[in-house]
Amino acid sequence: MPAAADVLIRCGNRGDVDAMLALEALFPSDRMSRRSVQRFLTVPTARVLVAEQRDGAMLGNVIGLRRAGSRAIRIYSVVVAPEARGLGIGQRLVDALHAIARTEGCDRVTLEVRADNSAARALYAKLGYRELAQLPGYYEDGSDGLRLACTIC
């Protein structure tokens, strides 16, 4: 695995669909479809960032959504390849999305996370996210979720 300094964070593009779907396939539930990924990469309300090695191998991505006129961005998805966990890639992706949100005049980022995803919850707590609501049976497999939010300046 590369050192964190060897990982580039950049805006996603249409050429990233297959790599994003390959990352999605590594997880057992709540996968995005090809159509969804393609849509997120083209609609003006989505912010897609990818983390890749210098050789172009994708290690992770984040998708943020913003409604017209809103001062908040909602994180729709954060994915980091299992072999790249622990390198700070998830934090770098979320930090980069926060930076975009600030430049667009947003003051808040929200998200939903599985209640049983302790690694993601620890990352979000570290980044200043606080629980807003519990979401019983929120996910398609019946798992509970949590709604979190972070104020950004």
Protein backbone atom coordinates (compact mmCIF):
# COMPACT_ATOMS: atom_id res chain seq x y z
CA MET A 1 0.00 0.00 0.00
CA PRO A 2 1.16 3.53 -0.73
CA ALA A 3 2.09 6.07 1.89
CA ALA A 4 -0.62 8.67 2.45
CA ALA A 5 1.50 11.24 0.62
CA ASP A 6 1.39 9.06 -2.50
CA VAL A 7 -2.41 9.22 -2.65
CA LEU A 8 -4.03 11.86 -4.84
CA ILE A 9 -7.51 13.24 -4.10
CA ARG A 10 -9.22 14.56 -7.24
CA CYS A 11 -12.66 15.18 -8.69
CA GLY A 12 -14.30 12.11 -10.11
CA ASN A 13 -15.15 11.86 -13.80
CA ARG A 14 -17.01 9.57 -16.19
CA GLY A 15 -13.92 7.42 -16.60
CA ASP A 16 -14.13 6.42 -12.92
CA VAL A 17 -17.38 4.43 -13.13
CA ASP A 18 -15.83 0.95 -13.37
CA ALA A 19 -13.33 1.60 -10.57
CA MET A 20 -16.06 2.99 -8.31
CA LEU A 21 -18.25 -0.04 -9.00
CA ALA A 22 -15.32 -2.36 -8.27
CA LEU A 23 -15.01 -0.74 -4.83
CA GLU A 24 -18.77 -1.05 -4.28
CA ALA A 25 -18.56 -4.78 -5.07
CA LEU A 26 -16.24 -5.29 -2.07
CA PHE A 27 -19.05 -4.58 0.37
CA PRO A 28 -21.98 -6.85 1.19
CA SER A 29 -24.88 -4.40 1.15
CA ASP A 30 -26.13 -0.98 0.10
CA ARG A 31 -24.25 -1.04 -3.20
CA MET A 32 -24.81 1.61 -5.83
CA SER A 33 -25.83 0.62 -9.34
CA ARG A 34 -23.93 1.56 -12.48
CA ARG A 35 -26.74 3.94 -13.34
CA SER A 36 -26.47 5.69 -9.95
CA VAL A 37 -22.70 6.09 -10.21
CA GLN A 38 -22.97 7.46 -13.75
CA ARG A 39 -25.64 9.90 -12.63
CA PHE A 40 -23.64 11.16 -9.66
CA LEU A 41 -20.66 11.80 -11.94
CA THR A 42 -22.73 14.01 -14.24
CA VAL A 43 -25.37 15.88 -12.23
CA PRO A 44 -24.51 19.39 -11.05
CA THR A 45 -25.82 18.73 -7.52
CA ALA A 46 -23.25 15.99 -6.80
CA ARG A 47 -19.66 16.36 -5.67
CA VAL A 48 -17.62 13.23 -6.34
CA LEU A 49 -14.04 12.92 -5.14
CA VAL A 50 -11.77 9.94 -5.60
CA ALA A 51 -8.55 8.85 -3.91
CA GLU A 52 -6.07 7.10 -6.13
CA GLN A 53 -2.50 5.86 -6.13
CA ARG A 54 0.03 7.40 -8.48
CA ASP A 55 -0.51 4.46 -10.85
CA GLY A 56 -4.22 5.35 -11.07
CA ALA A 57 -5.57 2.54 -8.88
CA MET A 58 -8.63 3.82 -7.00
CA LEU A 59 -8.48 3.45 -3.23
CA GLY A 60 -11.66 5.26 -2.25
CA ASN A 61 -14.30 7.84 -3.05
CA VAL A 62 -16.83 10.15 -1.46
CA ILE A 63 -20.08 11.42 -2.92
CA GLY A 64 -21.69 14.58 -1.56
CA LEU A 65 -25.06 15.95 -2.63
CA ARG A 66 -26.26 19.53 -2.42
CA ARG A 67 -29.75 20.82 -3.04
CA ALA A 68 -30.04 24.14 -4.85
CA GLY A 69 -30.05 26.99 -2.35
CA SER A 70 -29.05 24.78 0.58
CA ARG A 71 -26.19 25.64 2.90
CA ALA A 72 -25.58 21.95 3.62
CA ILE A 73 -23.97 19.11 1.73
CA ARG A 74 -25.09 15.57 2.48
CA ILE A 75 -22.51 12.81 2.30
CA TYR A 76 -24.22 10.06 0.36
CA SER A 77 -21.36 7.57 0.30
CA VAL A 78 -17.80 7.09 1.52
CA VAL A 79 -15.95 3.99 0.34
CA VAL A 80 -12.35 2.99 1.08
CA ALA A 81 -10.83 -0.22 -0.24
CA PRO A 82 -10.32 -2.69 2.62
CA GLU A 83 -6.59 -2.94 1.94
CA ALA A 84 -6.25 0.86 2.13
CA ARG A 85 -7.93 1.32 5.50
CA GLY A 86 -5.85 2.85 8.25
CA LEU A 87 -4.01 5.18 5.85
CA GLY A 88 -6.23 8.19 6.54
CA ILE A 89 -7.85 8.08 3.12
CA GLY A 90 -11.41 8.31 4.45
CA GLN A 91 -10.48 11.37 6.48
CA ARG A 92 -8.74 13.00 3.53
CA LEU A 93 -11.78 12.42 1.32
CA VAL A 94 -14.18 13.87 3.89
CA ASP A 95 -11.84 16.81 4.59
CA ALA A 96 -11.66 17.54 0.85
CA LEU A 97 -15.45 17.49 0.63
CA HIS A 98 -15.61 19.88 3.61
CA ALA A 99 -13.25 22.23 1.75
CA ILE A 100 -15.51 22.19 -1.31
CA ALA A 101 -18.55 22.80 0.89
CA ARG A 102 -16.88 25.84 2.45
CA THR A 103 -15.97 27.33 -0.94
CA GLU A 104 -19.61 26.91 -1.99
CA GLY A 105 -20.86 28.79 1.08
CA CYS A 106 -22.05 25.76 3.02
CA ASP A 107 -21.84 25.69 6.78
CA ARG A 108 -22.93 22.12 7.50
CA VAL A 109 -22.38 18.56 6.30
CA THR A 110 -24.83 15.78 7.13
CA LEU A 111 -24.82 12.02 6.60
CA GLU A 112 -26.37 8.73 7.59
CA VAL A 113 -24.23 5.87 8.85
CA ARG A 114 -24.98 2.33 9.91
CA ALA A 115 -25.25 2.19 13.68
CA ASP A 116 -23.04 -0.92 13.69
CA ASN A 117 -20.24 0.67 11.61
CA SER A 118 -17.90 1.51 14.47
CA ALA A 119 -14.94 2.44 12.23
CA ALA A 120 -16.96 5.01 10.27
CA ARG A 121 -18.56 6.36 13.43
CA ALA A 122 -15.12 6.82 15.01
CA LEU A 123 -13.90 8.73 11.94
CA TYR A 124 -16.94 11.00 11.94
CA ALA A 125 -16.64 11.66 15.69
CA LYS A 126 -12.97 12.59 15.17
CA LEU A 127 -14.06 15.05 12.46
CA GLY A 128 -16.61 16.71 14.75
CA TYR A 129 -19.84 15.01 13.67
CA ARG A 130 -22.59 14.76 16.25
CA GLU A 131 -25.64 12.51 16.33
CA LEU A 132 -28.90 14.18 15.33
CA ALA A 133 -31.24 11.18 15.17
CA GLN A 134 -31.46 7.42 15.44
CA LEU A 135 -32.95 5.76 12.35
CA PRO A 136 -34.43 2.34 13.23
CA GLY A 137 -34.52 -0.08 10.26
CA TYR A 138 -33.09 2.60 7.96
CA TYR A 139 -31.06 0.36 5.63
CA GLU A 140 -32.48 -2.07 3.08
CA ASP A 141 -31.32 -5.05 5.15
CA GLY A 142 -33.18 -3.68 8.19
CA SER A 143 -30.09 -2.39 9.98
CA ASP A 144 -30.39 0.73 12.08
CA GLY A 145 -28.78 3.99 11.08
CA LEU A 146 -27.78 7.27 12.64
CA ARG A 147 -28.07 10.76 11.18
CA LEU A 148 -24.99 12.85 11.93
CA ALA A 149 -24.04 16.46 11.21
CA CYS A 150 -20.94 18.61 11.39
CA THR A 151 -20.68 22.37 11.38
CA ILE A 152 -17.91 23.62 9.10
CA CYS A 153 -16.37 27.09 9.07
